[in-house]
Amino acid sequence: MVFCEKLLVPRVISDEIFYLEDDEFAIPIGEIPVPPDSTIDGVVTVSVLQCTPRVDLALNEIFVDVVFMIQKELTITTPEGSLIPLEFGFRLERTVGYRKVLPLELEAINPDYLLDLECHILYVTGTDVVTLHPSTIDPVTGALLNDATCDEELTIQMKLMLIQDRQMTVSGCDPRHRVDIGITV
């Protein structure tokens, strides 16, 4: 007797590694005087909020629209040891294009390969280089001005898989892979 089961399995259409940059320069620190020789460090958390595939047959490309949430928790340490906490977050939207797969080639093989595509994130990693530019000194009063800034060079690396759920019917035990052997006494 053969039992059949229906399974839902992901079909991998393509996978690729993408690099995204978000460089910002002269970001104002705010109404905080930052003395010379201060340092900055902290943690940047990158979360993927949305990952949406898009097929463009006219351009013969598959794009993925990605929305990130970037959360930064930074601390400025002054030469005297005082700590100035900074925290901010923002959304970052980027579009990446697959280079290893062409929709017209997929369509020629089987048009169904372009239907119901989903984005599967295998990993997200990155680097963030933050450079602090302390406050300048007022030439008249000698006081620190509130003009400190920082530069940020964020690079995000992520591996995305383009998948398509596929329903398959499989038999629990194929009769060609089974044999009944009689016992000899």
C-alpha atoms as a PDB file:
ATOM      1  CA  MET A   1       0.000   0.000   0.000  1.00  0.00           C
ATOM      2  CA  VAL A   2       1.293   3.437  -0.948  1.00  0.00           C
ATOM      3  CA  PHE A   3       0.486   6.554   1.071  1.00  0.00           C
ATOM      4  CA  CYS A   4       0.687   9.970  -0.544  1.00  0.00           C
ATOM      5  CA  GLU A   5       1.421  13.232   1.219  1.00  0.00           C
ATOM      6  CA  LYS A   6       1.257  16.809   0.021  1.00  0.00           C
ATOM      7  CA  LEU A   7       4.259  18.902   1.022  1.00  0.00           C
ATOM      8  CA  LEU A   8       4.957  22.592   0.665  1.00  0.00           C
ATOM      9  CA  VAL A   9       8.631  23.108  -0.191  1.00  0.00           C
ATOM     10  CA  PRO A  10      10.570  26.223  -1.189  1.00  0.00           C
ATOM     11  CA  ARG A  11      12.004  26.207  -4.695  1.00  0.00           C
ATOM     12  CA  VAL A  12      15.153  28.333  -4.830  1.00  0.00           C
ATOM     13  CA  ILE A  13      15.121  30.520  -7.937  1.00  0.00           C
ATOM     14  CA  SER A  14      18.371  32.319  -7.077  1.00  0.00           C
ATOM     15  CA  ASP A  15      20.531  33.440  -4.184  1.00  0.00           C
ATOM     16  CA  GLU A  16      22.955  36.313  -4.110  1.00  0.00           C
ATOM     17  CA  ILE A  17      25.006  38.518  -1.793  1.00  0.00           C
ATOM     18  CA  PHE A  18      24.313  42.251  -1.917  1.00  0.00           C
ATOM     19  CA  TYR A  19      26.297  45.192  -0.532  1.00  0.00           C
ATOM     20  CA  LEU A  20      24.504  48.432   0.315  1.00  0.00           C
ATOM     21  CA  GLU A  21      26.084  51.717   1.340  1.00  0.00           C
ATOM     22  CA  ASP A  22      24.664  54.578   3.354  1.00  0.00           C
ATOM     23  CA  ASP A  23      27.256  57.318   3.744  1.00  0.00           C
ATOM     24  CA  GLU A  24      26.411  60.573   5.502  1.00  0.00           C
ATOM     25  CA  PHE A  25      28.776  63.418   6.225  1.00  0.00           C
ATOM     26  CA  ALA A  26      28.636  66.392   8.616  1.00  0.00           C
ATOM     27  CA  ILE A  27      25.732  65.007  10.656  1.00  0.00           C
ATOM     28  CA  PRO A  28      25.039  67.603  13.392  1.00  0.00           C
ATOM     29  CA  ILE A  29      25.467  66.298  16.944  1.00  0.00           C
ATOM     30  CA  GLY A  30      23.054  68.933  18.263  1.00  0.00           C
ATOM     31  CA  GLU A  31      23.166  71.536  20.999  1.00  0.00           C
ATOM     32  CA  ILE A  32      25.995  69.747  22.771  1.00  0.00           C
ATOM     33  CA  PRO A  33      29.556  71.095  22.938  1.00  0.00           C
ATOM     34  CA  VAL A  34      32.023  68.286  22.239  1.00  0.00           C
ATOM     35  CA  PRO A  35      35.603  68.988  23.386  1.00  0.00           C
ATOM     36  CA  PRO A  36      38.622  68.207  21.189  1.00  0.00           C
ATOM     37  CA  ASP A  37      40.145  64.710  21.633  1.00  0.00           C
ATOM     38  CA  SER A  38      36.713  63.207  22.403  1.00  0.00           C
ATOM     39  CA  THR A  39      35.970  59.738  21.031  1.00  0.00           C
ATOM     40  CA  ILE A  40      32.811  58.030  19.818  1.00  0.00           C
ATOM     41  CA  ASP A  41      31.734  54.400  19.877  1.00  0.00           C
ATOM     42  CA  GLY A  42      28.574  52.349  20.199  1.00  0.00           C
ATOM     43  CA  VAL A  43      26.311  49.886  18.455  1.00  0.00           C
ATOM     44  CA  VAL A  44      24.355  50.085  15.221  1.00  0.00           C
ATOM     45  CA  THR A  45      21.467  47.639  14.850  1.00  0.00           C
ATOM     46  CA  VAL A  46      20.233  46.886  11.325  1.00  0.00           C
ATOM     47  CA  SER A  47      16.855  45.161  10.983  1.00  0.00           C
ATOM     48  CA  VAL A  48      15.066  44.207   7.764  1.00  0.00           C
ATOM     49  CA  LEU A  49      11.445  45.394   7.900  1.00  0.00           C
ATOM     50  CA  GLN A  50      10.411  44.482   4.348  1.00  0.00           C
ATOM     51  CA  CYS A  51      11.864  42.496   1.489  1.00  0.00           C
ATOM     52  CA  THR A  52       9.716  42.508  -1.667  1.00  0.00           C
ATOM     53  CA  PRO A  53      10.718  40.934  -5.014  1.00  0.00           C
ATOM     54  CA  ARG A  54       9.681  42.660  -8.226  1.00  0.00           C
ATOM     55  CA  VAL A  55      10.000  41.263 -11.778  1.00  0.00           C
ATOM     56  CA  ASP A  56      10.592  43.744 -14.616  1.00  0.00           C
ATOM     57  CA  LEU A  57      10.360  41.935 -17.958  1.00  0.00           C
ATOM     58  CA  ALA A  58      11.003  45.152 -19.936  1.00  0.00           C
ATOM     59  CA  LEU A  59      14.415  45.568 -18.243  1.00  0.00           C
ATOM     60  CA  ASN A  60      14.922  41.785 -17.960  1.00  0.00           C
ATOM     61  CA  GLU A  61      15.739  42.121 -14.253  1.00  0.00           C
ATOM     62  CA  ILE A  62      14.469  40.899 -10.928  1.00  0.00           C
ATOM     63  CA  PHE A  63      14.632  43.576  -8.246  1.00  0.00           C
ATOM     64  CA  VAL A  64      14.161  43.370  -4.505  1.00  0.00           C
ATOM     65  CA  ASP A  65      12.893  46.402  -2.598  1.00  0.00           C
ATOM     66  CA  VAL A  66      14.309  46.287   0.930  1.00  0.00           C
ATOM     67  CA  VAL A  67      13.340  48.473   3.898  1.00  0.00           C
ATOM     68  CA  PHE A  68      15.705  48.559   6.873  1.00  0.00           C
ATOM     69  CA  MET A  69      15.357  50.041  10.338  1.00  0.00           C
ATOM     70  CA  ILE A  70      18.688  51.488  11.455  1.00  0.00           C
ATOM     71  CA  GLN A  71      18.998  52.057  15.213  1.00  0.00           C
ATOM     72  CA  LYS A  72      22.139  53.751  16.558  1.00  0.00           C
ATOM     73  CA  GLU A  73      23.168  53.883  20.197  1.00  0.00           C
ATOM     74  CA  LEU A  74      26.382  55.899  20.331  1.00  0.00           C
ATOM     75  CA  THR A  75      28.397  57.340  23.197  1.00  0.00           C
ATOM     76  CA  ILE A  76      30.828  60.243  23.041  1.00  0.00           C
ATOM     77  CA  THR A  77      33.559  60.061  25.667  1.00  0.00           C
ATOM     78  CA  THR A  78      35.243  63.373  26.494  1.00  0.00           C
ATOM     79  CA  PRO A  79      38.923  63.572  27.557  1.00  0.00           C
ATOM     80  CA  GLU A  80      37.729  64.149  31.145  1.00  0.00           C
ATOM     81  CA  GLY A  81      35.735  60.884  31.023  1.00  0.00           C
ATOM     82  CA  SER A  82      32.263  62.408  30.720  1.00  0.00           C
ATOM     83  CA  LEU A  83      29.820  60.390  28.641  1.00  0.00           C
ATOM     84  CA  ILE A  84      27.424  61.933  26.112  1.00  0.00           C
ATOM     85  CA  PRO A  85      24.833  59.368  24.957  1.00  0.00           C
ATOM     86  CA  LEU A  86      23.332  59.717  21.490  1.00  0.00           C
ATOM     87  CA  GLU A  87      20.489  57.607  20.191  1.00  0.00           C
ATOM     88  CA  PHE A  88      18.607  57.831  16.934  1.00  0.00           C
ATOM     89  CA  GLY A  89      16.939  55.651  14.346  1.00  0.00           C
ATOM     90  CA  PHE A  90      15.707  55.914  10.796  1.00  0.00           C
ATOM     91  CA  ARG A  91      14.282  53.894   7.933  1.00  0.00           C
ATOM     92  CA  LEU A  92      16.516  53.142   4.975  1.00  0.00           C
ATOM     93  CA  GLU A  93      15.020  52.005   1.677  1.00  0.00           C
ATOM     94  CA  ARG A  94      17.104  50.419  -1.062  1.00  0.00           C
ATOM     95  CA  THR A  95      16.489  48.455  -4.253  1.00  0.00           C
ATOM     96  CA  VAL A  96      18.887  45.736  -5.369  1.00  0.00           C
ATOM     97  CA  GLY A  97      18.906  43.797  -8.617  1.00  0.00           C
ATOM     98  CA  TYR A  98      19.769  40.150  -9.108  1.00  0.00           C
ATOM     99  CA  ARG A  99      22.685  39.706 -11.504  1.00  0.00           C
ATOM    100  CA  LYS A 100      22.757  35.898 -11.680  1.00  0.00           C
ATOM    101  CA  VAL A 101      19.223  35.306 -12.945  1.00  0.00           C
ATOM    102  CA  LEU A 102      17.323  36.827 -15.882  1.00  0.00           C
ATOM    103  CA  PRO A 103      13.522  36.727 -15.962  1.00  0.00           C
ATOM    104  CA  LEU A 104      13.278  36.194 -19.728  1.00  0.00           C
ATOM    105  CA  GLU A 105      15.438  33.066 -19.422  1.00  0.00           C
ATOM    106  CA  LEU A 106      13.271  31.807 -16.549  1.00  0.00           C
ATOM    107  CA  GLU A 107      10.126  32.564 -18.528  1.00  0.00           C
ATOM    108  CA  ALA A 108      11.462  30.554 -21.482  1.00  0.00           C
ATOM    109  CA  ILE A 109      12.044  27.551 -19.192  1.00  0.00           C
ATOM    110  CA  ASN A 110       8.751  27.824 -17.314  1.00  0.00           C
ATOM    111  CA  PRO A 111       6.653  31.017 -16.921  1.00  0.00           C
ATOM    112  CA  ASP A 112       5.500  29.783 -13.492  1.00  0.00           C
ATOM    113  CA  TYR A 113       9.015  30.439 -12.161  1.00  0.00           C
ATOM    114  CA  LEU A 114       8.168  34.164 -12.110  1.00  0.00           C
ATOM    115  CA  LEU A 115       4.966  33.811 -10.081  1.00  0.00           C
ATOM    116  CA  ASP A 116       4.572  34.263  -6.314  1.00  0.00           C
ATOM    117  CA  LEU A 117       8.240  34.993  -5.663  1.00  0.00           C
ATOM    118  CA  GLU A 118       9.298  35.609  -2.068  1.00  0.00           C
ATOM    119  CA  CYS A 119      12.394  37.050  -0.500  1.00  0.00           C
ATOM    120  CA  HIS A 120      14.181  34.908   2.082  1.00  0.00           C
ATOM    121  CA  ILE A 121      16.970  36.554   4.098  1.00  0.00           C
ATOM    122  CA  LEU A 122      19.821  34.191   4.909  1.00  0.00           C
ATOM    123  CA  TYR A 123      21.896  36.732   6.820  1.00  0.00           C
ATOM    124  CA  VAL A 124      22.526  40.436   7.379  1.00  0.00           C
ATOM    125  CA  THR A 125      25.867  41.813   8.547  1.00  0.00           C
ATOM    126  CA  GLY A 126      27.845  44.978   8.053  1.00  0.00           C
ATOM    127  CA  THR A 127      30.322  47.593   9.162  1.00  0.00           C
ATOM    128  CA  ASP A 128      29.881  51.149  10.339  1.00  0.00           C
ATOM    129  CA  VAL A 129      32.731  53.646  10.482  1.00  0.00           C
ATOM    130  CA  VAL A 130      31.862  56.765  12.486  1.00  0.00           C
ATOM    131  CA  THR A 131      34.241  59.736  12.549  1.00  0.00           C
ATOM    132  CA  LEU A 132      33.708  62.421  15.181  1.00  0.00           C
ATOM    133  CA  HIS A 133      34.443  66.087  14.439  1.00  0.00           C
ATOM    134  CA  PRO A 134      34.501  67.889  17.817  1.00  0.00           C
ATOM    135  CA  SER A 135      33.233  71.410  18.395  1.00  0.00           C
ATOM    136  CA  THR A 136      35.267  74.365  17.261  1.00  0.00           C
ATOM    137  CA  ILE A 137      36.362  77.059  19.680  1.00  0.00           C
ATOM    138  CA  ASP A 138      34.866  80.543  19.514  1.00  0.00           C
ATOM    139  CA  PRO A 139      37.855  82.824  18.751  1.00  0.00           C
ATOM    140  CA  VAL A 140      36.394  85.682  20.812  1.00  0.00           C
ATOM    141  CA  THR A 141      35.166  83.919  23.976  1.00  0.00           C
ATOM    142  CA  GLY A 142      37.261  80.736  23.840  1.00  0.00           C
ATOM    143  CA  ALA A 143      34.126  78.680  24.542  1.00  0.00           C
ATOM    144  CA  LEU A 144      33.210  75.510  22.687  1.00  0.00           C
ATOM    145  CA  LEU A 145      30.574  76.035  20.008  1.00  0.00           C
ATOM    146  CA  ASN A 146      27.661  73.668  19.437  1.00  0.00           C
ATOM    147  CA  ASP A 147      28.872  72.755  15.942  1.00  0.00           C
ATOM    148  CA  ALA A 148      30.193  69.205  16.487  1.00  0.00           C
ATOM    149  CA  THR A 149      29.409  66.759  13.689  1.00  0.00           C
ATOM    150  CA  CYS A 150      30.138  63.180  12.730  1.00  0.00           C
ATOM    151  CA  ASP A 151      30.549  61.273   9.494  1.00  0.00           C
ATOM    152  CA  GLU A 152      29.122  57.815   9.054  1.00  0.00           C
ATOM    153  CA  GLU A 153      29.941  55.178   6.468  1.00  0.00           C
ATOM    154  CA  LEU A 154      27.535  52.253   6.872  1.00  0.00           C
ATOM    155  CA  THR A 155      27.976  49.159   4.697  1.00  0.00           C
ATOM    156  CA  ILE A 156      25.339  46.430   4.880  1.00  0.00           C
ATOM    157  CA  GLN A 157      25.979  42.961   3.506  1.00  0.00           C
ATOM    158  CA  MET A 158      23.048  40.605   3.084  1.00  0.00           C
ATOM    159  CA  LYS A 159      22.434  37.299   1.392  1.00  0.00           C
ATOM    160  CA  LEU A 160      18.998  36.966  -0.150  1.00  0.00           C
ATOM    161  CA  MET A 161      17.337  33.920  -1.599  1.00  0.00           C
ATOM    162  CA  LEU A 162      14.587  34.310  -4.149  1.00  0.00           C
ATOM    163  CA  ILE A 163      12.174  31.464  -3.436  1.00  0.00           C
ATOM    164  CA  GLN A 164       8.834  30.194  -4.600  1.00  0.00           C
ATOM    165  CA  ASP A 165       6.683  27.866  -2.527  1.00  0.00           C
ATOM    166  CA  ARG A 166       5.851  24.712  -4.421  1.00  0.00           C
ATOM    167  CA  GLN A 167       3.355  22.045  -3.505  1.00  0.00           C
ATOM    168  CA  MET A 168       4.483  18.488  -4.181  1.00  0.00           C
ATOM    169  CA  THR A 169       2.759  15.166  -3.765  1.00  0.00           C
ATOM    170  CA  VAL A 170       5.072  12.408  -2.617  1.00  0.00           C
ATOM    171  CA  SER A 171       4.400   8.823  -1.827  1.00  0.00           C
ATOM    172  CA  GLY A 172       5.306   7.659   1.635  1.00  0.00           C
ATOM    173  CA  CYS A 173       6.954   4.498   0.364  1.00  0.00           C
ATOM    174  CA  ASP A 174       7.453   3.845  -3.336  1.00  0.00           C
ATOM    175  CA  PRO A 175       6.708   0.168  -4.099  1.00  0.00           C
ATOM    176  CA  ARG A 176       9.790   0.034  -6.353  1.00  0.00           C
ATOM    177  CA  HIS A 177      11.939   0.778  -3.313  1.00  0.00           C
ATOM    178  CA  ARG A 178      10.461  -2.036  -1.226  1.00  0.00           C
ATOM    179  CA  VAL A 179      10.463  -5.808  -1.374  1.00  0.00           C
ATOM    180  CA  ASP A 180       8.775  -8.496   0.673  1.00  0.00           C
ATOM    181  CA  ILE A 181      11.089 -11.461   1.230  1.00  0.00           C
ATOM    182  CA  GLY A 182       9.686 -14.798   2.206  1.00  0.00           C
ATOM    183  CA  ILE A 183      11.286 -16.671   5.077  1.00  0.00           C
ATOM    184  CA  THR A 184      12.745 -20.062   4.378  1.00  0.00           C
ATOM    185  CA  VAL A 185      12.475 -22.581   7.192  1.00  0.00           C
END
